[in-house]
Amino acid sequence: MTLVYIASPFSGDTEKHTKMAQDYCRRALEYHCVPIAPHLHYPQFMNDDNAIERALGLKFALLLLGKCDELWVFGDALSNGMTQELAEAMWRGMPIKYFDSQGNEVTK
């Protein structure tokens, strides 16, 4: 099974963005992939409003990204964290797929 890293917005309306990220993970599952979404995991015990913990969470996330087969980018705009995840995936030469906020694949 393909291990896919899910990149989507989190900050701001975290309740809405959490639900959307869950839906994106479900989409990956429907494609028979294993979704990895650190922005669903780390806020369970780390404070995203604390700059030190946010930076540490992003560092952990980028380590996990390196273990994945592909990066899937969801949404119509890139957050700062998503921009860093995308740059890391490009640097690694990873396959990248883009999806709109409804989860439909789009070409970039």
C-alpha atoms as a PDB file:
ATOM      1  CA  MET A   1       0.000   0.000   0.000  1.00  0.00           C
ATOM      2  CA  THR A   2       1.140   3.518  -0.769  1.00  0.00           C
ATOM      3  CA  LEU A   3       1.925   5.742   2.209  1.00  0.00           C
ATOM      4  CA  VAL A   4       0.594   9.241   1.437  1.00  0.00           C
ATOM      5  CA  TYR A   5       1.258  12.409   3.407  1.00  0.00           C
ATOM      6  CA  ILE A   6      -1.838  14.596   3.647  1.00  0.00           C
ATOM      7  CA  ALA A   7      -1.144  18.341   3.541  1.00  0.00           C
ATOM      8  CA  SER A   8      -4.108  20.615   4.178  1.00  0.00           C
ATOM      9  CA  PRO A   9      -4.837  23.799   6.124  1.00  0.00           C
ATOM     10  CA  PHE A  10      -5.123  23.586   9.907  1.00  0.00           C
ATOM     11  CA  SER A  11      -4.725  26.998  11.561  1.00  0.00           C
ATOM     12  CA  GLY A  12      -7.592  29.458  11.760  1.00  0.00           C
ATOM     13  CA  ASP A  13     -10.872  27.537  11.839  1.00  0.00           C
ATOM     14  CA  THR A  14      -9.314  24.399  13.342  1.00  0.00           C
ATOM     15  CA  GLU A  15     -12.674  22.679  13.866  1.00  0.00           C
ATOM     16  CA  LYS A  16     -13.576  23.019  10.170  1.00  0.00           C
ATOM     17  CA  HIS A  17     -10.045  22.201   9.014  1.00  0.00           C
ATOM     18  CA  THR A  18      -9.875  19.107  11.230  1.00  0.00           C
ATOM     19  CA  LYS A  19     -13.084  17.769   9.703  1.00  0.00           C
ATOM     20  CA  MET A  20     -11.781  18.487   6.200  1.00  0.00           C
ATOM     21  CA  ALA A  21      -8.465  16.739   6.950  1.00  0.00           C
ATOM     22  CA  GLN A  22     -10.392  13.716   8.214  1.00  0.00           C
ATOM     23  CA  ASP A  23     -12.343  13.681   4.949  1.00  0.00           C
ATOM     24  CA  TYR A  24      -9.091  13.915   2.957  1.00  0.00           C
ATOM     25  CA  CYS A  25      -7.678  10.958   4.893  1.00  0.00           C
ATOM     26  CA  ARG A  26     -10.844   9.039   4.101  1.00  0.00           C
ATOM     27  CA  ARG A  27     -10.309   9.868   0.412  1.00  0.00           C
ATOM     28  CA  ALA A  28      -6.798   8.387   0.589  1.00  0.00           C
ATOM     29  CA  LEU A  29      -8.214   5.266   2.213  1.00  0.00           C
ATOM     30  CA  GLU A  30     -10.713   4.947  -0.646  1.00  0.00           C
ATOM     31  CA  TYR A  31      -7.715   4.888  -3.017  1.00  0.00           C
ATOM     32  CA  HIS A  32      -6.276   2.024  -0.915  1.00  0.00           C
ATOM     33  CA  CYS A  33      -3.540   4.262   0.474  1.00  0.00           C
ATOM     34  CA  VAL A  34      -2.332   4.736   4.042  1.00  0.00           C
ATOM     35  CA  PRO A  35      -2.874   8.392   5.008  1.00  0.00           C
ATOM     36  CA  ILE A  36      -0.412  10.214   7.262  1.00  0.00           C
ATOM     37  CA  ALA A  37      -1.800  13.525   8.576  1.00  0.00           C
ATOM     38  CA  PRO A  38       0.400  14.924  11.366  1.00  0.00           C
ATOM     39  CA  HIS A  39      -1.850  17.977  11.719  1.00  0.00           C
ATOM     40  CA  LEU A  40      -4.548  15.639  13.012  1.00  0.00           C
ATOM     41  CA  HIS A  41      -2.199  13.875  15.417  1.00  0.00           C
ATOM     42  CA  TYR A  42       0.122  16.447  16.993  1.00  0.00           C
ATOM     43  CA  PRO A  43      -2.532  18.983  18.098  1.00  0.00           C
ATOM     44  CA  GLN A  44      -3.885  16.243  20.355  1.00  0.00           C
ATOM     45  CA  PHE A  45      -0.981  16.853  22.738  1.00  0.00           C
ATOM     46  CA  MET A  46       0.891  19.892  21.389  1.00  0.00           C
ATOM     47  CA  ASN A  47      -0.237  23.525  21.404  1.00  0.00           C
ATOM     48  CA  ASP A  48      -0.374  24.937  17.860  1.00  0.00           C
ATOM     49  CA  ASP A  49      -0.605  28.467  19.329  1.00  0.00           C
ATOM     50  CA  ASN A  50       2.778  28.036  21.039  1.00  0.00           C
ATOM     51  CA  ALA A  51       5.493  29.014  18.541  1.00  0.00           C
ATOM     52  CA  ILE A  52       8.038  26.555  19.954  1.00  0.00           C
ATOM     53  CA  GLU A  53       5.617  23.616  19.913  1.00  0.00           C
ATOM     54  CA  ARG A  54       4.350  24.568  16.444  1.00  0.00           C
ATOM     55  CA  ALA A  55       7.915  24.588  15.084  1.00  0.00           C
ATOM     56  CA  LEU A  56       8.631  21.260  16.759  1.00  0.00           C
ATOM     57  CA  GLY A  57       5.414  19.793  15.334  1.00  0.00           C
ATOM     58  CA  LEU A  58       6.395  20.907  11.840  1.00  0.00           C
ATOM     59  CA  LYS A  59       9.861  19.381  12.307  1.00  0.00           C
ATOM     60  CA  PHE A  60       8.251  16.070  13.335  1.00  0.00           C
ATOM     61  CA  ALA A  61       5.866  16.306  10.364  1.00  0.00           C
ATOM     62  CA  LEU A  62       8.710  16.823   7.892  1.00  0.00           C
ATOM     63  CA  LEU A  63      10.450  13.744   9.300  1.00  0.00           C
ATOM     64  CA  LEU A  64       7.278  11.741   8.686  1.00  0.00           C
ATOM     65  CA  LEU A  65       6.964  13.192   5.200  1.00  0.00           C
ATOM     66  CA  GLY A  66      10.351  11.656   4.408  1.00  0.00           C
ATOM     67  CA  LYS A  67       8.921   8.207   5.183  1.00  0.00           C
ATOM     68  CA  CYS A  68       5.997   8.606   2.771  1.00  0.00           C
ATOM     69  CA  ASP A  69       5.737   7.613  -0.878  1.00  0.00           C
ATOM     70  CA  GLU A  70       3.727  10.648  -2.049  1.00  0.00           C
ATOM     71  CA  LEU A  71       2.542  14.075  -0.931  1.00  0.00           C
ATOM     72  CA  TRP A  72      -1.120  14.916  -1.459  1.00  0.00           C
ATOM     73  CA  VAL A  73      -1.879  18.642  -1.205  1.00  0.00           C
ATOM     74  CA  PHE A  74      -5.502  19.592  -0.492  1.00  0.00           C
ATOM     75  CA  GLY A  75      -7.227  22.948  -0.659  1.00  0.00           C
ATOM     76  CA  ASP A  76      -7.305  26.083  -2.714  1.00  0.00           C
ATOM     77  CA  ALA A  77      -4.522  27.937  -0.874  1.00  0.00           C
ATOM     78  CA  LEU A  78      -1.250  26.933   0.787  1.00  0.00           C
ATOM     79  CA  SER A  79      -0.626  27.712   4.438  1.00  0.00           C
ATOM     80  CA  ASN A  80       2.900  28.422   5.680  1.00  0.00           C
ATOM     81  CA  GLY A  81       3.219  24.848   6.956  1.00  0.00           C
ATOM     82  CA  MET A  82       1.933  23.414   3.678  1.00  0.00           C
ATOM     83  CA  THR A  83       4.449  25.523   1.768  1.00  0.00           C
ATOM     84  CA  GLN A  84       7.259  24.003   3.833  1.00  0.00           C
ATOM     85  CA  GLU A  85       5.881  20.487   3.326  1.00  0.00           C
ATOM     86  CA  LEU A  86       5.644  21.063  -0.429  1.00  0.00           C
ATOM     87  CA  ALA A  87       9.204  22.424  -0.589  1.00  0.00           C
ATOM     88  CA  GLU A  88      10.496  19.383   1.318  1.00  0.00           C
ATOM     89  CA  ALA A  89       8.669  16.967  -0.996  1.00  0.00           C
ATOM     90  CA  MET A  90       9.997  18.764  -4.074  1.00  0.00           C
ATOM     91  CA  TRP A  91      13.531  18.702  -2.664  1.00  0.00           C
ATOM     92  CA  ARG A  92      13.151  14.941  -2.113  1.00  0.00           C
ATOM     93  CA  GLY A  93      11.766  14.435  -5.627  1.00  0.00           C
ATOM     94  CA  MET A  94       8.582  12.884  -4.264  1.00  0.00           C
ATOM     95  CA  PRO A  95       5.470  12.451  -6.400  1.00  0.00           C
ATOM     96  CA  ILE A  96       2.974  15.217  -5.564  1.00  0.00           C
ATOM     97  CA  LYS A  97      -0.759  15.189  -6.248  1.00  0.00           C
ATOM     98  CA  TYR A  98      -3.021  18.223  -5.874  1.00  0.00           C
ATOM     99  CA  PHE A  99      -6.676  18.237  -4.848  1.00  0.00           C
ATOM    100  CA  ASP A 100      -9.210  21.028  -4.463  1.00  0.00           C
ATOM    101  CA  SER A 101     -10.993  21.628  -1.157  1.00  0.00           C
ATOM    102  CA  GLN A 102     -13.710  19.127  -2.162  1.00  0.00           C
ATOM    103  CA  GLY A 103     -11.076  16.409  -2.584  1.00  0.00           C
ATOM    104  CA  ASN A 104     -11.126  16.299  -6.388  1.00  0.00           C
ATOM    105  CA  GLU A 105      -7.745  15.818  -8.042  1.00  0.00           C
ATOM    106  CA  VAL A 106      -6.583  18.801 -10.085  1.00  0.00           C
ATOM    107  CA  THR A 107      -3.571  19.453 -12.303  1.00  0.00           C
ATOM    108  CA  LYS A 108      -1.016  22.144 -11.427  1.00  0.00           C
END
